[in-house]
Amino acid sequence: MSLLNPLLLGARRFGAGIDVGARGVTLVVLSQRLFGGGPLRIEWLGRVPLAREVLSGAEIVDRQALIGALQDAFGALPPTCAQASLRCAMALPSGATLLASMPLARLAAADRGRRAGRVDLSGLYTELEPLVLAEAERVSGVERSELAVDWRVGPLALECGVASVHEAQVTIAATARAHLEARIECAAMAGVALCAMDDETHAALRAMRHAAAFELPSHETWVALWIGADGVHGWLIAEESVVRTMRFPALEHADLVEALRDLADAGQTGCAVVAGNLAMLHGVHFSLADIGDVLGCPVLPFECAPLADADRPLDANLLHDPSCAVAFGLAMRGVSE
């Protein structure tokens, strides 16, 4: 006798990704089978334009306009999505998010309770929290009361329930609390409950890695590039792990060519996947072909089309728009968490 209701075997978990930017509000809805996993399915792609004056960098200038755009975006959902329990995630501009990483041993040294670089896991996060908040305040130059901070520790080597801190890193993400609260409030006033906020570059990288899993051999070394309002972010990925990162413009790079070469580090790159606003490449007199020439590999723009079912009617322009990577990556988070 089956322990599961046959009707539940076809049930799906839905996640929505919301990217608010100069191009408007982009909404992507993904779903996956609740039992047994299986491939992600694109349920909806939509975009509602925003007037240029609605946003000023990371600041929301006209909240009512954004609320209206969010209502329009969700109001266009098909019944299958509108009636589902959507886990919604929204992006924060990368320029508004500060990321820092440091050895756990450095923070542990500040705590006199640590001994020989080992720590009891049961109290690890409670003991580290004030140290992490102090570090976020120091790096950002913003008082901790005005910051929203997220952080994680890893990897930890475990021995009998005790963690060795010597190899572990603490990764901190911080943003102005005002930016976070403004987006949560606008979403709530539009009738949307957010379950997560994420940096746009990391959401885009999540989408590109998902696409690369279908397009590239698992053992191949490849480059992911995100082109956003604050510049180009790059990652060199080998054996499914990020081994090197890059950001341009930066003081250490004279131009984008040098930045890309430093990212590849004279290694053999099998492919490059590029997402974001590709038109911004023209501002630095660059093209996808130029990226391929520098890296010595084929270049593939991120597209939702190869990941969509051919028989599902979706916006053809958005299916081939590389800037949809952020909303796609956010929706992936909504499905998986």
Foldseek 3Di string as FASTA:
>chain_A
DDPDDPVLQADKFKEWFWEDDQQATWIWMWIFRPPPTDAIATQATDGDHADNVQDDQLDGPDLVRNLVRLLVGLVPHDPVVVVHDYAYEYEGEQVQKDKDKDQPVVLVVVDPVDDPQKDQPVCVCVVCVVVLLVVVCVVVVDHSVQKDKDKDKDDWDDDPRMTHRGPMMIMMMMGGVVSVVSVQVSCVSSVHHHPYYYHLVVLLVLLVLVVCVVVDDLQFWAKEWEQDPQFIKMFIAGNNDTDDIFTPPDPVDPAVLRRLCVRCVPPQHAEYEYAYDQVCCVVRPDHLVNSCVSNVYYYHYDFQQVVHDPPRDYDPVRRRHRNCSSRVSRRVVRRPD
